[in-house]
Structures are given as C-alpha cells and as structure tokens.
Amino acid sequence: GDVARWFSEQQLRKVHDAAALVAGTLSRDVPIVGAGSGRWQIRRLAERMERSYVDFADIIPADDTVRGQASSAAPASAVALLAGYPS
C-alpha cells in the first residue's frame, strides 16, 4: 500500500537524480532503455524525464516467448560478461 509506494518513489528519485546527471549531456531525442526486472520503474523515469522509452525486450533478437525473460536477465548477463573481460 502506502509504504510500498513511498519506497518506490524514494528509489525513483535516487535513480532520477543520477540519470539527470548523465542525461544532461545527451540529446533530448536519445531514449531511455529499460532492462531488468525493474524496467517498469525505468518507464516511469522516462516519463518523468520527458524522454522516450524503449524496452530492451523490444530490441533483442529473441523469440517472442522469451523476450521478457531475456530482458529481465539482461543486466545480470551484462555484468557477468564485463567481469570476464581483462582490465
């Protein structure tokens, strides 16, 4: 209920503050891409920042039956791949 909404808003505010620092240098037509299990929150961020939103599930070459699952796992997969690269 109210407590969950409060926590959701606090999380979104922190992400918004960080995104505003990064997005300030980008053209206004650059979309925000959402991936991971919290991408619904990133959609809210895009609305708040008045930017278009693209769901990672819509741009990956995957079968329709697994797109959502692949998008949810994308951040963890990216971190695993980055961890495997030598610095």
PDB file of N, CA and C in Angstrom:
ATOM      1  N   GLY A   1       0.789  -1.178   0.000  1.00  0.00           N
ATOM      2  CA  GLY A   1       0.000   0.000   0.000  1.00  0.00           C
ATOM      3  C   GLY A   1       0.844   1.260   0.000  1.00  0.00           C
ATOM      4  N   ASP A   2       0.576   2.099   0.969  1.00  0.00           N
ATOM      5  CA  ASP A   2       1.228   3.405   1.043  1.00  0.00           C
ATOM      6  C   ASP A   2       2.736   3.298   1.274  1.00  0.00           C
ATOM      7  N   VAL A   3       3.142   2.352   2.091  1.00  0.00           N
ATOM      8  CA  VAL A   3       4.570   2.190   2.379  1.00  0.00           C
ATOM      9  C   VAL A   3       5.316   1.750   1.121  1.00  0.00           C
ATOM     10  N   ALA A   4       4.748   0.818   0.378  1.00  0.00           N
ATOM     11  CA  ALA A   4       5.377   0.349  -0.860  1.00  0.00           C
ATOM     12  C   ALA A   4       5.496   1.488  -1.868  1.00  0.00           C
ATOM     13  N   ARG A   5       4.451   2.295  -1.993  1.00  0.00           N
ATOM     14  CA  ARG A   5       4.503   3.442  -2.911  1.00  0.00           C
ATOM     15  C   ARG A   5       5.579   4.440  -2.476  1.00  0.00           C
ATOM     16  N   TRP A   6       5.697   4.647  -1.163  1.00  0.00           N
ATOM     17  CA  TRP A   6       6.707   5.571  -0.656  1.00  0.00           C
ATOM     18  C   TRP A   6       8.106   5.076  -1.016  1.00  0.00           C
ATOM     19  N   PHE A   7       8.386   3.789  -0.781  1.00  0.00           N
ATOM     20  CA  PHE A   7       9.697   3.234  -1.115  1.00  0.00           C
ATOM     21  C   PHE A   7       9.954   3.306  -2.617  1.00  0.00           C
ATOM     22  N   SER A   8       8.945   3.018  -3.413  1.00  0.00           N
ATOM     23  CA  SER A   8       9.080   3.092  -4.862  1.00  0.00           C
ATOM     24  C   SER A   8       9.446   4.508  -5.299  1.00  0.00           C
ATOM     25  N   GLU A   9       8.787   5.483  -4.729  1.00  0.00           N
ATOM     26  CA  GLU A   9       9.071   6.886  -5.066  1.00  0.00           C
ATOM     27  C   GLU A   9      10.477   7.286  -4.633  1.00  0.00           C
ATOM     28  N   GLN A  10      10.903   6.850  -3.468  1.00  0.00           N
ATOM     29  CA  GLN A  10      12.252   7.179  -2.996  1.00  0.00           C
ATOM     30  C   GLN A  10      13.307   6.580  -3.925  1.00  0.00           C
ATOM     31  N   GLN A  11      13.079   5.350  -4.342  1.00  0.00           N
ATOM     32  CA  GLN A  11      14.003   4.697  -5.271  1.00  0.00           C
ATOM     33  C   GLN A  11      14.040   5.459  -6.591  1.00  0.00           C
ATOM     34  N   LEU A  12      12.874   5.802  -7.101  1.00  0.00           N
ATOM     35  CA  LEU A  12      12.804   6.509  -8.374  1.00  0.00           C
ATOM     36  C   LEU A  12      13.497   7.865  -8.283  1.00  0.00           C
ATOM     37  N   ARG A  13      13.362   8.553  -7.189  1.00  0.00           N
ATOM     38  CA  ARG A  13      14.028   9.852  -7.025  1.00  0.00           C
ATOM     39  C   ARG A  13      15.543   9.711  -7.077  1.00  0.00           C
ATOM     40  N   LYS A  14      16.077   8.682  -6.439  1.00  0.00           N
ATOM     41  CA  LYS A  14      17.533   8.474  -6.460  1.00  0.00           C
ATOM     42  C   LYS A  14      18.018   8.165  -7.877  1.00  0.00           C
ATOM     43  N   VAL A  15      17.291   7.306  -8.560  1.00  0.00           N
ATOM     44  CA  VAL A  15      17.663   6.967  -9.934  1.00  0.00           C
ATOM     45  C   VAL A  15      17.519   8.195 -10.825  1.00  0.00           C
ATOM     46  N   HIS A  16      16.466   8.977 -10.623  1.00  0.00           N
ATOM     47  CA  HIS A  16      16.242  10.192 -11.411  1.00  0.00           C
ATOM     48  C   HIS A  16      17.400  11.169 -11.232  1.00  0.00           C
ATOM     49  N   ASP A  17      17.824  11.383 -10.003  1.00  0.00           N
ATOM     50  CA  ASP A  17      18.924  12.315  -9.754  1.00  0.00           C
ATOM     51  C   ASP A  17      20.192  11.883 -10.482  1.00  0.00           C
ATOM     52  N   ALA A  18      20.502  10.597 -10.432  1.00  0.00           N
ATOM     53  CA  ALA A  18      21.688  10.084 -11.122  1.00  0.00           C
ATOM     54  C   ALA A  18      21.524  10.163 -12.638  1.00  0.00           C
ATOM     55  N   ALA A  19      20.353   9.808 -13.127  1.00  0.00           N
ATOM     56  CA  ALA A  19      20.101   9.841 -14.573  1.00  0.00           C
ATOM     57  C   ALA A  19      20.160  11.266 -15.108  1.00  0.00           C
ATOM     58  N   ALA A  20      19.694  12.220 -14.335  1.00  0.00           N
ATOM     59  CA  ALA A  20      19.723  13.618 -14.775  1.00  0.00           C
ATOM     60  C   ALA A  20      21.159  14.091 -14.986  1.00  0.00           C
ATOM     61  N   LEU A  21      22.077  13.630 -14.157  1.00  0.00           N
ATOM     62  CA  LEU A  21      23.484  13.998 -14.332  1.00  0.00           C
ATOM     63  C   LEU A  21      24.040  13.456 -15.640  1.00  0.00           C
ATOM     64  N   VAL A  22      23.695  12.221 -15.958  1.00  0.00           N
ATOM     65  CA  VAL A  22      24.193  11.581 -17.176  1.00  0.00           C
ATOM     66  C   VAL A  22      23.466  12.104 -18.406  1.00  0.00           C
ATOM     67  N   ALA A  23      22.160  12.184 -18.335  1.00  0.00           N
ATOM     68  CA  ALA A  23      21.354  12.555 -19.499  1.00  0.00           C
ATOM     69  C   ALA A  23      21.511  14.020 -19.871  1.00  0.00           C
ATOM     70  N   GLY A  24      21.977  14.828 -18.953  1.00  0.00           N
ATOM     71  CA  GLY A  24      22.146  16.245 -19.247  1.00  0.00           C
ATOM     72  C   GLY A  24      23.075  16.510 -20.410  1.00  0.00           C
ATOM     73  N   THR A  25      23.976  15.582 -20.688  1.00  0.00           N
ATOM     74  CA  THR A  25      24.930  15.746 -21.784  1.00  0.00           C
ATOM     75  C   THR A  25      24.435  15.125 -23.090  1.00  0.00           C
ATOM     76  N   LEU A  26      23.300  14.448 -23.044  1.00  0.00           N
ATOM     77  CA  LEU A  26      22.783  13.756 -24.228  1.00  0.00           C
ATOM     78  C   LEU A  26      21.681  14.555 -24.903  1.00  0.00           C
ATOM     79  N   SER A  27      21.538  14.336 -26.193  1.00  0.00           N
ATOM     80  CA  SER A  27      20.453  14.959 -26.944  1.00  0.00           C
ATOM     81  C   SER A  27      19.108  14.536 -26.362  1.00  0.00           C
ATOM     82  N   ARG A  28      18.121  15.410 -26.406  1.00  0.00           N
ATOM     83  CA  ARG A  28      16.794  15.125 -25.851  1.00  0.00           C
ATOM     84  C   ARG A  28      16.095  13.975 -26.575  1.00  0.00           C
ATOM     85  N   ASP A  29      16.520  13.658 -27.791  1.00  0.00           N
ATOM     86  CA  ASP A  29      15.847  12.581 -28.524  1.00  0.00           C
ATOM     87  C   ASP A  29      16.437  11.200 -28.234  1.00  0.00           C
ATOM     88  N   VAL A  30      17.460  11.128 -27.398  1.00  0.00           N
ATOM     89  CA  VAL A  30      18.030   9.834 -27.009  1.00  0.00           C
ATOM     90  C   VAL A  30      17.075   9.167 -26.020  1.00  0.00           C
ATOM     91  N   PRO A  31      16.610   7.957 -26.346  1.00  0.00           N
ATOM     92  CA  PRO A  31      15.644   7.301 -25.451  1.00  0.00           C
ATOM     93  C   PRO A  31      16.315   6.703 -24.216  1.00  0.00           C
ATOM     94  N   ILE A  32      15.496   6.401 -23.249  1.00  0.00           N
ATOM     95  CA  ILE A  32      15.938   5.644 -22.082  1.00  0.00           C
ATOM     96  C   ILE A  32      15.551   4.194 -22.335  1.00  0.00           C
ATOM     97  N   VAL A  33      16.524   3.298 -22.220  1.00  0.00           N
ATOM     98  CA  VAL A  33      16.281   1.877 -22.458  1.00  0.00           C
ATOM     99  C   VAL A  33      16.135   1.184 -21.109  1.00  0.00           C
ATOM    100  N   GLY A  34      15.047   0.461 -20.958  1.00  0.00           N
ATOM    101  CA  GLY A  34      14.789  -0.253 -19.713  1.00  0.00           C
ATOM    102  C   GLY A  34      15.061  -1.735 -19.858  1.00  0.00           C
ATOM    103  N   ALA A  35      15.782  -2.286 -18.899  1.00  0.00           N
ATOM    104  CA  ALA A  35      16.048  -3.726 -18.854  1.00  0.00           C
ATOM    105  C   ALA A  35      16.066  -4.146 -17.392  1.00  0.00           C
ATOM    106  N   GLY A  36      15.847  -5.410 -17.158  1.00  0.00           N
ATOM    107  CA  GLY A  36      15.847  -5.913 -15.792  1.00  0.00           C
ATOM    108  C   GLY A  36      14.443  -6.038 -15.248  1.00  0.00           C
ATOM    109  N   SER A  37      14.351  -6.623 -14.093  1.00  0.00           N
ATOM    110  CA  SER A  37      13.027  -6.858 -13.509  1.00  0.00           C
ATOM    111  C   SER A  37      12.355  -5.568 -13.058  1.00  0.00           C
ATOM    112  N   GLY A  38      13.115  -4.497 -12.910  1.00  0.00           N
ATOM    113  CA  GLY A  38      12.535  -3.215 -12.503  1.00  0.00           C
ATOM    114  C   GLY A  38      12.327  -2.250 -13.651  1.00  0.00           C
ATOM    115  N   ARG A  39      12.231  -2.764 -14.870  1.00  0.00           N
ATOM    116  CA  ARG A  39      12.107  -1.850 -16.010  1.00  0.00           C
ATOM    117  C   ARG A  39      10.813  -1.060 -16.008  1.00  0.00           C
ATOM    118  N   TRP A  40       9.802  -1.527 -15.302  1.00  0.00           N
ATOM    119  CA  TRP A  40       8.577  -0.733 -15.166  1.00  0.00           C
ATOM    120  C   TRP A  40       8.899   0.581 -14.456  1.00  0.00           C
ATOM    121  N   GLN A  41       9.865   0.543 -13.546  1.00  0.00           N
ATOM    122  CA  GLN A  41      10.275   1.754 -12.834  1.00  0.00           C
ATOM    123  C   GLN A  41      11.053   2.680 -13.782  1.00  0.00           C
ATOM    124  N   ILE A  42      11.805   2.095 -14.690  1.00  0.00           N
ATOM    125  CA  ILE A  42      12.556   2.887 -15.663  1.00  0.00           C
ATOM    126  C   ILE A  42      11.598   3.550 -16.648  1.00  0.00           C
ATOM    127  N   ARG A  43      10.497   2.902 -16.961  1.00  0.00           N
ATOM    128  CA  ARG A  43       9.467   3.535 -17.795  1.00  0.00           C
ATOM    129  C   ARG A  43       8.941   4.792 -17.091  1.00  0.00           C
ATOM    130  N   ARG A  44       8.718   4.699 -15.801  1.00  0.00           N
ATOM    131  CA  ARG A  44       8.277   5.869 -15.026  1.00  0.00           C
ATOM    132  C   ARG A  44       9.344   6.965 -15.057  1.00  0.00           C
ATOM    133  N   LEU A  45      10.612   6.558 -14.979  1.00  0.00           N
ATOM    134  CA  LEU A  45      11.710   7.514 -15.048  1.00  0.00           C
ATOM    135  C   LEU A  45      11.692   8.257 -16.381  1.00  0.00           C
ATOM    136  N   ALA A  46      11.521   7.523 -17.472  1.00  0.00           N
ATOM    137  CA  ALA A  46      11.480   8.148 -18.796  1.00  0.00           C
ATOM    138  C   ALA A  46      10.347   9.170 -18.880  1.00  0.00           C
ATOM    139  N   GLU A  47       9.190   8.815 -18.354  1.00  0.00           N
ATOM    140  CA  GLU A  47       8.066   9.757 -18.346  1.00  0.00           C
ATOM    141  C   GLU A  47       8.427  11.001 -17.549  1.00  0.00           C
ATOM    142  N   ARG A  48       9.015  10.805 -16.402  1.00  0.00           N
ATOM    143  CA  ARG A  48       9.379  11.927 -15.535  1.00  0.00           C
ATOM    144  C   ARG A  48      10.413  12.826 -16.200  1.00  0.00           C
ATOM    145  N   MET A  49      11.325  12.224 -16.964  1.00  0.00           N
ATOM    146  CA  MET A  49      12.374  12.996 -17.634  1.00  0.00           C
ATOM    147  C   MET A  49      11.939  13.492 -19.008  1.00  0.00           C
ATOM    148  N   GLU A  50      10.704  13.190 -19.376  1.00  0.00           N
ATOM    149  CA  GLU A  50      10.143  13.583 -20.676  1.00  0.00           C
ATOM    150  C   GLU A  50      11.011  13.083 -21.828  1.00  0.00           C
ATOM    151  N   ARG A  51      11.351  11.807 -21.736  1.00  0.00           N
ATOM    152  CA  ARG A  51      12.118  11.139 -22.788  1.00  0.00           C
ATOM    153  C   ARG A  51      11.353   9.909 -23.248  1.00  0.00           C
ATOM    154  N   SER A  52      11.647   9.488 -24.463  1.00  0.00           N
ATOM    155  CA  SER A  52      11.001   8.271 -24.946  1.00  0.00           C
ATOM    156  C   SER A  52      11.610   7.065 -24.228  1.00  0.00           C
ATOM    157  N   TYR A  53      10.862   5.985 -24.205  1.00  0.00           N
ATOM    158  CA  TYR A  53      11.269   4.766 -23.516  1.00  0.00           C
ATOM    159  C   TYR A  53      11.300   3.626 -24.515  1.00  0.00           C
ATOM    160  N   VAL A  54      12.342   2.813 -24.436  1.00  0.00           N
ATOM    161  CA  VAL A  54      12.455   1.605 -25.247  1.00  0.00           C
ATOM    162  C   VAL A  54      12.705   0.446 -24.291  1.00  0.00           C
ATOM    163  N   ASP A  55      11.880  -0.571 -24.382  1.00  0.00           N
ATOM    164  CA  ASP A  55      12.089  -1.771 -23.569  1.00  0.00           C
ATOM    165  C   ASP A  55      13.114  -2.641 -24.282  1.00  0.00           C
ATOM    166  N   PHE A  56      14.117  -3.072 -23.550  1.00  0.00           N
ATOM    167  CA  PHE A  56      15.159  -3.928 -24.117  1.00  0.00           C
ATOM    168  C   PHE A  56      14.551  -5.152 -24.795  1.00  0.00           C
ATOM    169  N   ALA A  57      13.432  -5.629 -24.274  1.00  0.00           N
ATOM    170  CA  ALA A  57      12.760  -6.793 -24.858  1.00  0.00           C
ATOM    171  C   ALA A  57      12.336  -6.533 -26.299  1.00  0.00           C
ATOM    172  N   ASP A  58      12.110  -5.280 -26.645  1.00  0.00           N
ATOM    173  CA  ASP A  58      11.661  -4.948 -27.996  1.00  0.00           C
ATOM    174  C   ASP A  58      12.797  -4.852 -29.001  1.00  0.00           C
ATOM    175  N   ILE A  59      14.036  -4.856 -28.541  1.00  0.00           N
ATOM    176  CA  ILE A  59      15.149  -4.670 -29.479  1.00  0.00           C
ATOM    177  C   ILE A  59      16.115  -5.857 -29.532  1.00  0.00           C
ATOM    178  N   ILE A  60      15.887  -6.874 -28.707  1.00  0.00           N
ATOM    179  CA  ILE A  60      16.792  -8.022 -28.742  1.00  0.00           C
ATOM    180  C   ILE A  60      16.280  -9.072 -29.725  1.00  0.00           C
ATOM    181  N   PRO A  61      17.202  -9.745 -30.400  1.00  0.00           N
ATOM    182  CA  PRO A  61      16.794 -10.782 -31.347  1.00  0.00           C
ATOM    183  C   PRO A  61      16.492 -12.092 -30.618  1.00  0.00           C
ATOM    184  N   ALA A  62      15.318 -12.145 -30.017  1.00  0.00           N
ATOM    185  CA  ALA A  62      14.921 -13.343 -29.272  1.00  0.00           C
ATOM    186  C   ALA A  62      13.503 -13.720 -29.655  1.00  0.00           C
ATOM    187  N   ASP A  63      13.183 -14.970 -29.483  1.00  0.00           N
ATOM    188  CA  ASP A  63      11.835 -15.458 -29.734  1.00  0.00           C
ATOM    189  C   ASP A  63      10.858 -14.731 -28.814  1.00  0.00           C
ATOM    190  N   ASP A  64       9.680 -14.445 -29.334  1.00  0.00           N
ATOM    191  CA  ASP A  64       8.677 -13.707 -28.559  1.00  0.00           C
ATOM    192  C   ASP A  64       8.360 -14.359 -27.218  1.00  0.00           C
ATOM    193  N   THR A  65       8.466 -15.674 -27.147  1.00  0.00           N
ATOM    194  CA  THR A  65       8.108 -16.372 -25.907  1.00  0.00           C
ATOM    195  C   THR A  65       9.112 -16.136 -24.778  1.00  0.00           C
ATOM    196  N   VAL A  66      10.320 -15.666 -25.118  1.00  0.00           N
ATOM    197  CA  VAL A  66      11.341 -15.467 -24.084  1.00  0.00           C
ATOM    198  C   VAL A  66      11.849 -14.026 -23.989  1.00  0.00           C
ATOM    199  N   ARG A  67      11.299 -13.131 -24.775  1.00  0.00           N
ATOM    200  CA  ARG A  67      11.778 -11.738 -24.769  1.00  0.00           C
ATOM    201  C   ARG A  67      11.748 -11.106 -23.381  1.00  0.00           C
ATOM    202  N   GLY A  68      10.638 -11.233 -22.687  1.00  0.00           N
ATOM    203  CA  GLY A  68      10.519 -10.633 -21.360  1.00  0.00           C
ATOM    204  C   GLY A  68      11.534 -11.194 -20.390  1.00  0.00           C
ATOM    205  N   GLN A  69      11.709 -12.508 -20.431  1.00  0.00           N
ATOM    206  CA  GLN A  69      12.683 -13.148 -19.537  1.00  0.00           C
ATOM    207  C   GLN A  69      14.106 -12.719 -19.886  1.00  0.00           C
ATOM    208  N   ALA A  70      14.393 -12.628 -21.187  1.00  0.00           N
ATOM    209  CA  ALA A  70      15.728 -12.202 -21.611  1.00  0.00           C
ATOM    210  C   ALA A  70      15.996 -10.765 -21.180  1.00  0.00           C
ATOM    211  N   SER A  71      14.993  -9.912 -21.285  1.00  0.00           N
ATOM    212  CA  SER A  71      15.151  -8.524 -20.858  1.00  0.00           C
ATOM    213  C   SER A  71      15.365  -8.441 -19.350  1.00  0.00           C
ATOM    214  N   SER A  72      14.657  -9.264 -18.603  1.00  0.00           N
ATOM    215  CA  SER A  72      14.819  -9.265 -17.145  1.00  0.00           C
ATOM    216  C   SER A  72      16.219  -9.704 -16.735  1.00  0.00           C
ATOM    217  N   ALA A  73      16.817 -10.607 -17.499  1.00  0.00           N
ATOM    218  CA  ALA A  73      18.148 -11.125 -17.169  1.00  0.00           C
ATOM    219  C   ALA A  73      19.280 -10.293 -17.771  1.00  0.00           C
ATOM    220  N   ALA A  74      18.967  -9.336 -18.614  1.00  0.00           N
ATOM    221  CA  ALA A  74      19.995  -8.575 -19.336  1.00  0.00           C
ATOM    222  C   ALA A  74      21.015  -7.887 -18.428  1.00  0.00           C
ATOM    223  N   PRO A  75      20.611  -7.181 -17.377  1.00  0.00           N
ATOM    224  CA  PRO A  75      21.631  -6.526 -16.540  1.00  0.00           C
ATOM    225  C   PRO A  75      22.602  -7.516 -15.891  1.00  0.00           C
ATOM    226  N   ALA A  76      22.090  -8.621 -15.390  1.00  0.00           N
ATOM    227  CA  ALA A  76      22.965  -9.621 -14.772  1.00  0.00           C
ATOM    228  C   ALA A  76      23.900 -10.231 -15.812  1.00  0.00           C
ATOM    229  N   SER A  77      23.391 -10.460 -17.009  1.00  0.00           N
ATOM    230  CA  SER A  77      24.226 -11.011 -18.082  1.00  0.00           C
ATOM    231  C   SER A  77      25.331 -10.035 -18.464  1.00  0.00           C
ATOM    232  N   ALA A  78      24.998  -8.758 -18.532  1.00  0.00           N
ATOM    233  CA  ALA A  78      25.996  -7.746 -18.885  1.00  0.00           C
ATOM    234  C   ALA A  78      27.105  -7.677 -17.837  1.00  0.00           C
ATOM    235  N   VAL A  79      26.739  -7.718 -16.577  1.00  0.00           N
ATOM    236  CA  VAL A  79      27.741  -7.686 -15.506  1.00  0.00           C
ATOM    237  C   VAL A  79      28.636  -8.921 -15.583  1.00  0.00           C
ATOM    238  N   ALA A  80      28.045 -10.075 -15.841  1.00  0.00           N
ATOM    239  CA  ALA A  80      28.836 -11.303 -15.955  1.00  0.00           C
ATOM    240  C   ALA A  80      29.815 -11.214 -17.124  1.00  0.00           C
ATOM    241  N   LEU A  81      29.363 -10.672 -18.251  1.00  0.00           N
ATOM    242  CA  LEU A  81      30.252 -10.525 -19.401  1.00  0.00           C
ATOM    243  C   LEU A  81      31.376  -9.537 -19.105  1.00  0.00           C
ATOM    244  N   LEU A  82      31.035  -8.416 -18.481  1.00  0.00           N
ATOM    245  CA  LEU A  82      32.062  -7.426 -18.139  1.00  0.00           C
ATOM    246  C   LEU A  82      33.083  -7.991 -17.156  1.00  0.00           C
ATOM    247  N   ALA A  83      32.632  -8.804 -16.233  1.00  0.00           N
ATOM    248  CA  ALA A  83      33.541  -9.399 -15.245  1.00  0.00           C
ATOM    249  C   ALA A  83      34.551 -10.327 -15.909  1.00  0.00           C
ATOM    250  N   GLY A  84      34.188 -10.875 -17.058  1.00  0.00           N
ATOM    251  CA  GLY A  84      35.078 -11.786 -17.753  1.00  0.00           C
ATOM    252  C   GLY A  84      36.121 -11.107 -18.620  1.00  0.00           C
ATOM    253  N   TYR A  85      35.989  -9.799 -18.837  1.00  0.00           N
ATOM    254  CA  TYR A  85      36.950  -9.068 -19.660  1.00  0.00           C
ATOM    255  C   TYR A  85      38.130  -8.619 -18.809  1.00  0.00           C
ATOM    256  N   PRO A  86      39.344  -8.807 -19.341  1.00  0.00           N
ATOM    257  CA  PRO A  86      40.510  -8.320 -18.586  1.00  0.00           C
ATOM    258  C   PRO A  86      40.532  -6.791 -18.565  1.00  0.00           C
ATOM    259  N   SER A  87      41.008  -6.226 -17.467  1.00  0.00           N
ATOM    260  CA  SER A  87      41.047  -4.758 -17.383  1.00  0.00           C
ATOM    261  C   SER A  87      42.335  -4.196 -17.899  1.00  0.00           C
TER     262      SER A  87
END
